[in-house]
Amino acid sequence: MDEFNIPFAQMPWQESGPGVRTKTFIQGDRKLRIVEFSPEFIEPDWCVKGHSGYVLSGDMEIEFAHHGIRRFRTGEALLIPDGEGSRHRHYRSLETTILFLVEDC
């Protein structure tokens, strides 16, 4: 693989659980992921890890413990900082939704 080109289109999908699958690339302390959520996906746990990303397609909602439910649609970005103050979880996908995420390992 070319160190400057990440061939996500050629990577196989990995089933992460019912209703969610991912393609993941890790280099050093950075992780790039494409994540697909189906409307059937239910997030059982809260997350305190930060996420930066872009909604490639779809329409989804994220529940924040201290900030309510926020909607993210195709073409919108998200920037969720680390920490308890921004604790969050996938609330629901209104249709199949695909995100591109950049995260620290």
C-alpha atoms as a PDB file:
ATOM      1  CA  MET A   1       0.000   0.000   0.000  1.00  0.00           C
ATOM      2  CA  ASP A   2       1.207   3.493  -0.870  1.00  0.00           C
ATOM      3  CA  GLU A   3       1.883   5.496   2.311  1.00  0.00           C
ATOM      4  CA  PHE A   4       0.013   8.483   0.844  1.00  0.00           C
ATOM      5  CA  ASN A   5      -2.984   6.669  -0.631  1.00  0.00           C
ATOM      6  CA  ILE A   6      -5.493   4.717   1.438  1.00  0.00           C
ATOM      7  CA  PRO A   7      -7.579   2.495  -0.881  1.00  0.00           C
ATOM      8  CA  PHE A   8     -10.826   2.397   1.125  1.00  0.00           C
ATOM      9  CA  ALA A   9     -12.745   1.341  -2.004  1.00  0.00           C
ATOM     10  CA  GLN A  10     -10.678  -1.864  -2.174  1.00  0.00           C
ATOM     11  CA  MET A  11     -10.867  -2.669   1.543  1.00  0.00           C
ATOM     12  CA  PRO A  12     -13.467  -5.210   2.689  1.00  0.00           C
ATOM     13  CA  TRP A  13     -16.172  -4.184   5.137  1.00  0.00           C
ATOM     14  CA  GLN A  14     -15.801  -5.587   8.668  1.00  0.00           C
ATOM     15  CA  GLU A  15     -18.995  -6.306  10.586  1.00  0.00           C
ATOM     16  CA  SER A  16     -18.662  -4.543  13.951  1.00  0.00           C
ATOM     17  CA  GLY A  17     -22.025  -5.675  15.268  1.00  0.00           C
ATOM     18  CA  PRO A  18     -25.676  -5.826  14.237  1.00  0.00           C
ATOM     19  CA  GLY A  19     -26.396  -2.881  11.925  1.00  0.00           C
ATOM     20  CA  VAL A  20     -22.873  -1.438  11.787  1.00  0.00           C
ATOM     21  CA  ARG A  21     -19.827  -2.158   9.656  1.00  0.00           C
ATOM     22  CA  THR A  22     -16.482  -0.427   9.206  1.00  0.00           C
ATOM     23  CA  LYS A  23     -13.366  -0.019   7.111  1.00  0.00           C
ATOM     24  CA  THR A  24     -10.380   0.983   9.275  1.00  0.00           C
ATOM     25  CA  PHE A  25      -6.872   2.224   8.502  1.00  0.00           C
ATOM     26  CA  ILE A  26      -4.364   2.880  11.309  1.00  0.00           C
ATOM     27  CA  GLN A  27      -1.050   4.630  10.922  1.00  0.00           C
ATOM     28  CA  GLY A  28       0.937   5.630  13.997  1.00  0.00           C
ATOM     29  CA  ASP A  29      -1.440   7.215  16.490  1.00  0.00           C
ATOM     30  CA  ARG A  30      -4.143   8.096  13.916  1.00  0.00           C
ATOM     31  CA  LYS A  31      -7.110   6.018  12.860  1.00  0.00           C
ATOM     32  CA  LEU A  32      -9.228   6.658   9.778  1.00  0.00           C
ATOM     33  CA  ARG A  33     -12.559   4.879   9.572  1.00  0.00           C
ATOM     34  CA  ILE A  34     -15.504   4.655   7.275  1.00  0.00           C
ATOM     35  CA  VAL A  35     -18.504   3.569   9.327  1.00  0.00           C
ATOM     36  CA  GLU A  36     -21.887   2.517   7.987  1.00  0.00           C
ATOM     37  CA  PHE A  37     -24.881   2.563  10.343  1.00  0.00           C
ATOM     38  CA  SER A  38     -28.172   0.980   9.303  1.00  0.00           C
ATOM     39  CA  PRO A  39     -31.470   2.074  10.862  1.00  0.00           C
ATOM     40  CA  GLU A  40     -31.469  -1.203  12.835  1.00  0.00           C
ATOM     41  CA  PHE A  41     -28.287  -0.295  14.748  1.00  0.00           C
ATOM     42  CA  ILE A  42     -28.745   0.311  18.489  1.00  0.00           C
ATOM     43  CA  GLU A  43     -25.824   1.789  20.463  1.00  0.00           C
ATOM     44  CA  PRO A  44     -25.796   0.238  23.927  1.00  0.00           C
ATOM     45  CA  ASP A  45     -22.915   2.219  25.440  1.00  0.00           C
ATOM     46  CA  TRP A  46     -21.871   5.828  25.965  1.00  0.00           C
ATOM     47  CA  CYS A  47     -18.582   7.038  24.447  1.00  0.00           C
ATOM     48  CA  VAL A  48     -16.211   9.657  25.897  1.00  0.00           C
ATOM     49  CA  LYS A  49     -13.670   9.427  23.069  1.00  0.00           C
ATOM     50  CA  GLY A  50     -13.409  12.356  20.677  1.00  0.00           C
ATOM     51  CA  HIS A  51     -14.420  12.084  17.022  1.00  0.00           C
ATOM     52  CA  SER A  52     -13.899  14.301  13.999  1.00  0.00           C
ATOM     53  CA  GLY A  53     -15.798  13.349  10.908  1.00  0.00           C
ATOM     54  CA  TYR A  54     -17.918  14.016   7.891  1.00  0.00           C
ATOM     55  CA  VAL A  55     -21.261  12.505   6.873  1.00  0.00           C
ATOM     56  CA  LEU A  56     -20.683  11.074   3.404  1.00  0.00           C
ATOM     57  CA  SER A  57     -24.316  10.023   3.014  1.00  0.00           C
ATOM     58  CA  GLY A  58     -27.402   9.568   5.126  1.00  0.00           C
ATOM     59  CA  ASP A  59     -29.115  11.130   8.095  1.00  0.00           C
ATOM     60  CA  MET A  60     -28.428  10.229  11.738  1.00  0.00           C
ATOM     61  CA  GLU A  61     -28.811  11.493  15.271  1.00  0.00           C
ATOM     62  CA  ILE A  62     -26.300  11.452  18.111  1.00  0.00           C
ATOM     63  CA  GLU A  63     -27.431  11.693  21.722  1.00  0.00           C
ATOM     64  CA  PHE A  64     -25.242  13.775  24.026  1.00  0.00           C
ATOM     65  CA  ALA A  65     -25.646  13.138  27.760  1.00  0.00           C
ATOM     66  CA  HIS A  66     -25.455  16.853  28.580  1.00  0.00           C
ATOM     67  CA  HIS A  67     -26.602  18.441  25.307  1.00  0.00           C
ATOM     68  CA  GLY A  68     -29.557  16.434  24.006  1.00  0.00           C
ATOM     69  CA  ILE A  69     -29.967  14.899  20.575  1.00  0.00           C
ATOM     70  CA  ARG A  70     -28.276  16.464  17.541  1.00  0.00           C
ATOM     71  CA  ARG A  71     -28.935  15.570  13.901  1.00  0.00           C
ATOM     72  CA  PHE A  72     -26.208  15.127  11.268  1.00  0.00           C
ATOM     73  CA  ARG A  73     -27.017  14.941   7.539  1.00  0.00           C
ATOM     74  CA  THR A  74     -25.143  14.340   4.294  1.00  0.00           C
ATOM     75  CA  GLY A  75     -22.472  17.004   3.837  1.00  0.00           C
ATOM     76  CA  GLU A  76     -22.278  17.984   7.494  1.00  0.00           C
ATOM     77  CA  ALA A  77     -19.266  17.514   9.746  1.00  0.00           C
ATOM     78  CA  LEU A  78     -19.004  16.634  13.406  1.00  0.00           C
ATOM     79  CA  LEU A  79     -16.353  17.563  15.925  1.00  0.00           C
ATOM     80  CA  ILE A  80     -16.835  15.898  19.309  1.00  0.00           C
ATOM     81  CA  PRO A  81     -14.104  16.521  21.896  1.00  0.00           C
ATOM     82  CA  ASP A  82     -12.796  13.903  24.331  1.00  0.00           C
ATOM     83  CA  GLY A  83     -14.226  13.761  27.820  1.00  0.00           C
ATOM     84  CA  GLU A  84     -17.188  13.217  30.069  1.00  0.00           C
ATOM     85  CA  GLY A  85     -18.638  16.632  29.185  1.00  0.00           C
ATOM     86  CA  SER A  86     -19.273  15.472  25.622  1.00  0.00           C
ATOM     87  CA  ARG A  87     -20.303  11.889  26.428  1.00  0.00           C
ATOM     88  CA  HIS A  88     -22.341  10.635  23.483  1.00  0.00           C
ATOM     89  CA  ARG A  89     -23.777   7.668  21.608  1.00  0.00           C
ATOM     90  CA  HIS A  90     -25.392   6.916  18.273  1.00  0.00           C
ATOM     91  CA  TYR A  91     -29.092   7.537  18.849  1.00  0.00           C
ATOM     92  CA  ARG A  92     -30.540   6.442  15.510  1.00  0.00           C
ATOM     93  CA  SER A  93     -29.998   6.468  11.778  1.00  0.00           C
ATOM     94  CA  LEU A  94     -33.005   7.699   9.865  1.00  0.00           C
ATOM     95  CA  GLU A  95     -31.594   5.902   6.818  1.00  0.00           C
ATOM     96  CA  THR A  96     -28.373   4.028   6.140  1.00  0.00           C
ATOM     97  CA  THR A  97     -25.649   6.534   7.050  1.00  0.00           C
ATOM     98  CA  ILE A  98     -21.977   6.495   6.119  1.00  0.00           C
ATOM     99  CA  LEU A  99     -19.425   8.548   8.086  1.00  0.00           C
ATOM    100  CA  PHE A 100     -15.751   9.239   7.514  1.00  0.00           C
ATOM    101  CA  LEU A 101     -14.039   9.564  10.933  1.00  0.00           C
ATOM    102  CA  VAL A 102     -10.560  10.667  12.030  1.00  0.00           C
ATOM    103  CA  GLU A 103      -9.608   9.559  15.546  1.00  0.00           C
ATOM    104  CA  ASP A 104      -6.654   9.195  17.852  1.00  0.00           C
ATOM    105  CA  CYS A 105      -5.721   5.601  18.651  1.00  0.00           C
END
